[in-house]
Amino acid sequence: MWRVVGAVALGGAVFAFGFHEGGQRCEARHAIAAIEKAERAAQLDAERIEVAKQRDDLARELEELSNADPIIVERCLGPNRVRRLNALQ
């Protein structure tokens, strides 16, 4: 009878240990996945900021180029502006 009780106690201890270890490993996997997801989000955000900066720089450069045309007549667009507008059509 003591052998049966000992075997049941040993089986219960092994089950409890395995259950505890499995839970810790599962939590560790989820924590690693969350960290990787956060790192990827930060990387994508940095790329988005870089693209936005490039877009803003290009818009500023185009605005400077459009304002660089000499004013020939106050009410009229310069010839380069007219050419650029016609090229857009």
N, C-alpha and C. Protein backbone atom coordinates (compact mmCIF):
# COMPACT_ATOMS: atom_id res chain seq x y z
N MET A 1 0.81 -1.18 0.00
CA MET A 1 0.00 0.00 0.00
C MET A 1 0.87 1.26 0.00
N TRP A 2 1.99 1.23 0.72
CA TRP A 2 2.87 2.41 0.77
C TRP A 2 3.49 2.68 -0.59
N ARG A 3 3.70 1.63 -1.33
CA ARG A 3 4.25 1.82 -2.68
C ARG A 3 3.26 2.56 -3.58
N VAL A 4 1.99 2.23 -3.47
CA VAL A 4 0.97 2.90 -4.28
C VAL A 4 0.88 4.37 -3.88
N VAL A 5 0.88 4.65 -2.59
CA VAL A 5 0.82 6.03 -2.11
C VAL A 5 2.07 6.78 -2.56
N GLY A 6 3.21 6.16 -2.47
CA GLY A 6 4.47 6.78 -2.91
C GLY A 6 4.46 7.05 -4.41
N ALA A 7 3.93 6.08 -5.19
CA ALA A 7 3.88 6.25 -6.64
C ALA A 7 2.92 7.39 -7.01
N VAL A 8 1.79 7.47 -6.33
CA VAL A 8 0.83 8.54 -6.59
C VAL A 8 1.43 9.89 -6.21
N ALA A 9 2.11 9.94 -5.07
CA ALA A 9 2.75 11.19 -4.63
C ALA A 9 3.86 11.59 -5.60
N LEU A 10 4.66 10.64 -6.04
CA LEU A 10 5.72 10.93 -7.01
C LEU A 10 5.12 11.39 -8.33
N GLY A 11 4.07 10.73 -8.78
CA GLY A 11 3.39 11.14 -10.02
C GLY A 11 2.81 12.54 -9.90
N GLY A 12 2.22 12.85 -8.76
CA GLY A 12 1.67 14.19 -8.54
C GLY A 12 2.76 15.24 -8.52
N ALA A 13 3.89 14.92 -7.90
CA ALA A 13 5.01 15.87 -7.84
C ALA A 13 5.58 16.11 -9.24
N VAL A 14 5.74 15.05 -10.01
CA VAL A 14 6.25 15.19 -11.37
C VAL A 14 5.27 16.00 -12.22
N PHE A 15 3.97 15.75 -12.07
CA PHE A 15 2.96 16.50 -12.81
C PHE A 15 3.01 17.99 -12.43
N ALA A 16 3.08 18.27 -11.15
CA ALA A 16 3.11 19.66 -10.68
C ALA A 16 4.36 20.37 -11.20
N PHE A 17 5.50 19.70 -11.15
CA PHE A 17 6.74 20.29 -11.65
C PHE A 17 6.64 20.56 -13.15
N GLY A 18 6.14 19.59 -13.90
CA GLY A 18 5.99 19.77 -15.35
C GLY A 18 5.00 20.87 -15.69
N PHE A 19 3.90 20.94 -14.94
CA PHE A 19 2.90 21.97 -15.17
C PHE A 19 3.50 23.36 -14.92
N HIS A 20 4.25 23.47 -13.85
CA HIS A 20 4.88 24.74 -13.50
C HIS A 20 5.92 25.15 -14.55
N GLU A 21 6.77 24.22 -14.95
CA GLU A 21 7.80 24.51 -15.96
C GLU A 21 7.17 24.85 -17.31
N GLY A 22 6.14 24.12 -17.68
CA GLY A 22 5.47 24.40 -18.94
C GLY A 22 4.84 25.78 -18.95
N GLY A 23 4.25 26.18 -17.84
CA GLY A 23 3.67 27.52 -17.74
C GLY A 23 4.73 28.60 -17.86
N GLN A 24 5.87 28.40 -17.22
CA GLN A 24 6.96 29.39 -17.31
C GLN A 24 7.48 29.49 -18.75
N ARG A 25 7.65 28.37 -19.40
CA ARG A 25 8.15 28.39 -20.79
C ARG A 25 7.14 29.07 -21.71
N CYS A 26 5.86 28.82 -21.49
CA CYS A 26 4.81 29.45 -22.30
C CYS A 26 4.83 30.97 -22.09
N GLU A 27 4.94 31.42 -20.86
CA GLU A 27 5.01 32.85 -20.56
C GLU A 27 6.26 33.46 -21.19
N ALA A 28 7.37 32.75 -21.15
CA ALA A 28 8.62 33.26 -21.74
C ALA A 28 8.47 33.41 -23.25
N ARG A 29 7.84 32.44 -23.90
CA ARG A 29 7.62 32.53 -25.35
C ARG A 29 6.75 33.73 -25.70
N HIS A 30 5.71 33.93 -24.92
CA HIS A 30 4.82 35.06 -25.18
C HIS A 30 5.53 36.39 -24.92
N ALA A 31 6.37 36.44 -23.91
CA ALA A 31 7.11 37.67 -23.62
C ALA A 31 8.10 37.97 -24.75
N ILE A 32 8.77 36.95 -25.25
CA ILE A 32 9.70 37.14 -26.37
C ILE A 32 8.96 37.61 -27.61
N ALA A 33 7.80 37.02 -27.87
CA ALA A 33 7.00 37.43 -29.03
C ALA A 33 6.55 38.88 -28.89
N ALA A 34 6.18 39.29 -27.68
CA ALA A 34 5.76 40.68 -27.46
C ALA A 34 6.92 41.64 -27.65
N ILE A 35 8.10 41.25 -27.19
CA ILE A 35 9.28 42.11 -27.36
C ILE A 35 9.63 42.24 -28.84
N GLU A 36 9.60 41.12 -29.58
CA GLU A 36 9.88 41.17 -31.02
C GLU A 36 8.86 42.03 -31.76
N LYS A 37 7.60 41.93 -31.35
CA LYS A 37 6.54 42.73 -31.97
C LYS A 37 6.78 44.22 -31.69
N ALA A 38 7.17 44.56 -30.48
CA ALA A 38 7.44 45.95 -30.13
C ALA A 38 8.65 46.48 -30.90
N GLU A 39 9.68 45.66 -31.04
CA GLU A 39 10.87 46.08 -31.80
C GLU A 39 10.52 46.31 -33.27
N ARG A 40 9.71 45.44 -33.85
CA ARG A 40 9.29 45.60 -35.24
C ARG A 40 8.45 46.87 -35.41
N ALA A 41 7.57 47.13 -34.44
CA ALA A 41 6.75 48.34 -34.50
C ALA A 41 7.63 49.58 -34.42
N ALA A 42 8.65 49.56 -33.58
CA ALA A 42 9.56 50.69 -33.47
C ALA A 42 10.34 50.88 -34.77
N GLN A 43 10.75 49.78 -35.39
CA GLN A 43 11.48 49.86 -36.65
C GLN A 43 10.58 50.44 -37.75
N LEU A 44 9.34 49.98 -37.83
CA LEU A 44 8.41 50.50 -38.83
C LEU A 44 8.10 51.97 -38.58
N ASP A 45 8.01 52.36 -37.31
CA ASP A 45 7.76 53.76 -36.99
C ASP A 45 8.94 54.62 -37.40
N ALA A 46 10.16 54.13 -37.19
CA ALA A 46 11.35 54.88 -37.61
C ALA A 46 11.38 55.03 -39.13
N GLU A 47 11.02 53.96 -39.84
CA GLU A 47 10.97 54.04 -41.31
C GLU A 47 9.89 55.02 -41.77
N ARG A 48 8.74 55.02 -41.08
CA ARG A 48 7.67 55.95 -41.42
C ARG A 48 8.11 57.39 -41.21
N ILE A 49 8.81 57.64 -40.12
CA ILE A 49 9.30 58.99 -39.84
C ILE A 49 10.31 59.43 -40.89
N GLU A 50 11.18 58.51 -41.31
CA GLU A 50 12.18 58.83 -42.33
C GLU A 50 11.50 59.17 -43.67
N VAL A 51 10.49 58.39 -44.04
CA VAL A 51 9.78 58.65 -45.29
C VAL A 51 9.04 59.99 -45.20
N ALA A 52 8.45 60.28 -44.06
CA ALA A 52 7.77 61.57 -43.89
C ALA A 52 8.76 62.72 -43.99
N LYS A 53 9.96 62.53 -43.44
CA LYS A 53 11.00 63.57 -43.52
C LYS A 53 11.42 63.79 -44.97
N GLN A 54 11.61 62.70 -45.71
CA GLN A 54 11.97 62.82 -47.13
C GLN A 54 10.87 63.52 -47.91
N ARG A 55 9.61 63.19 -47.62
CA ARG A 55 8.49 63.83 -48.30
C ARG A 55 8.45 65.32 -48.00
N ASP A 56 8.66 65.68 -46.73
CA ASP A 56 8.66 67.09 -46.35
C ASP A 56 9.82 67.85 -47.01
N ASP A 57 10.98 67.21 -47.06
CA ASP A 57 12.13 67.85 -47.72
C ASP A 57 11.85 68.08 -49.20
N LEU A 58 11.26 67.09 -49.86
CA LEU A 58 10.93 67.23 -51.27
C LEU A 58 9.89 68.32 -51.49
N ALA A 59 8.88 68.37 -50.64
CA ALA A 59 7.86 69.41 -50.76
C ALA A 59 8.47 70.79 -50.56
N ARG A 60 9.37 70.91 -49.59
CA ARG A 60 10.03 72.19 -49.35
C ARG A 60 10.90 72.59 -50.54
N GLU A 61 11.62 71.61 -51.10
CA GLU A 61 12.47 71.89 -52.27
C GLU A 61 11.63 72.32 -53.47
N LEU A 62 10.50 71.65 -53.69
CA LEU A 62 9.63 72.03 -54.80
C LEU A 62 9.03 73.42 -54.57
N GLU A 63 8.68 73.71 -53.34
CA GLU A 63 8.14 75.04 -53.04
C GLU A 63 9.19 76.12 -53.26
N GLU A 64 10.42 75.84 -52.86
CA GLU A 64 11.51 76.81 -53.08
C GLU A 64 11.77 77.00 -54.57
N LEU A 65 11.73 75.91 -55.34
CA LEU A 65 11.92 76.02 -56.78
C LEU A 65 10.80 76.82 -57.43
N SER A 66 9.59 76.61 -56.98
CA SER A 66 8.48 77.35 -57.59
C SER A 66 8.53 78.83 -57.21
N ASN A 67 9.03 79.14 -56.03
CA ASN A 67 9.13 80.54 -55.62
C ASN A 67 10.40 81.21 -56.15
N ALA A 68 11.28 80.45 -56.73
CA ALA A 68 12.54 81.00 -57.22
C ALA A 68 12.38 81.65 -58.60
N ASP A 69 11.28 81.40 -59.27
CA ASP A 69 11.07 82.03 -60.58
C ASP A 69 11.00 83.54 -60.42
N PRO A 70 11.64 84.27 -61.29
CA PRO A 70 11.57 85.73 -61.19
C PRO A 70 10.17 86.23 -61.54
N ILE A 71 9.76 87.27 -60.86
CA ILE A 71 8.45 87.86 -61.12
C ILE A 71 8.62 88.85 -62.26
N ILE A 72 8.02 88.53 -63.39
CA ILE A 72 8.11 89.39 -64.56
C ILE A 72 6.98 90.40 -64.51
N VAL A 73 5.78 89.91 -64.34
CA VAL A 73 4.61 90.77 -64.20
C VAL A 73 3.93 90.33 -62.91
N GLU A 74 3.54 91.28 -62.09
CA GLU A 74 3.01 90.99 -60.76
C GLU A 74 1.81 90.04 -60.78
N ARG A 75 0.92 90.19 -61.76
CA ARG A 75 -0.31 89.40 -61.79
C ARG A 75 -0.16 88.10 -62.57
N CYS A 76 0.96 87.85 -63.18
CA CYS A 76 1.12 86.67 -64.03
C CYS A 76 2.12 85.69 -63.43
N LEU A 77 1.99 84.44 -63.83
CA LEU A 77 2.97 83.42 -63.46
C LEU A 77 4.18 83.54 -64.37
N GLY A 78 5.31 83.14 -63.84
CA GLY A 78 6.52 83.14 -64.65
C GLY A 78 6.47 82.04 -65.69
N PRO A 79 7.31 82.14 -66.71
CA PRO A 79 7.28 81.13 -67.78
C PRO A 79 7.60 79.72 -67.29
N ASN A 80 8.51 79.58 -66.34
CA ASN A 80 8.83 78.24 -65.82
C ASN A 80 7.66 77.64 -65.07
N ARG A 81 6.92 78.47 -64.33
CA ARG A 81 5.75 77.95 -63.63
C ARG A 81 4.69 77.49 -64.62
N VAL A 82 4.48 78.25 -65.67
CA VAL A 82 3.50 77.87 -66.68
C VAL A 82 3.91 76.55 -67.34
N ARG A 83 5.18 76.39 -67.62
CA ARG A 83 5.66 75.14 -68.23
C ARG A 83 5.43 73.96 -67.28
N ARG A 84 5.73 74.17 -65.99
CA ARG A 84 5.53 73.08 -65.03
C ARG A 84 4.05 72.73 -64.90
N LEU A 85 3.19 73.75 -64.87
CA LEU A 85 1.75 73.49 -64.78
C LEU A 85 1.25 72.77 -66.03
N ASN A 86 1.73 73.16 -67.19
CA ASN A 86 1.33 72.49 -68.43
C ASN A 86 1.85 71.06 -68.46
N ALA A 87 3.00 70.82 -67.87
CA ALA A 87 3.56 69.47 -67.86
C ALA A 87 2.73 68.55 -66.97
N LEU A 88 2.03 69.10 -66.00
CA LEU A 88 1.20 68.28 -65.11
C LEU A 88 -0.05 67.78 -65.81
N GLN A 89 -0.50 68.45 -66.85
CA GLN A 89 -1.74 68.06 -67.52
C GLN A 89 -1.56 66.83 -68.30
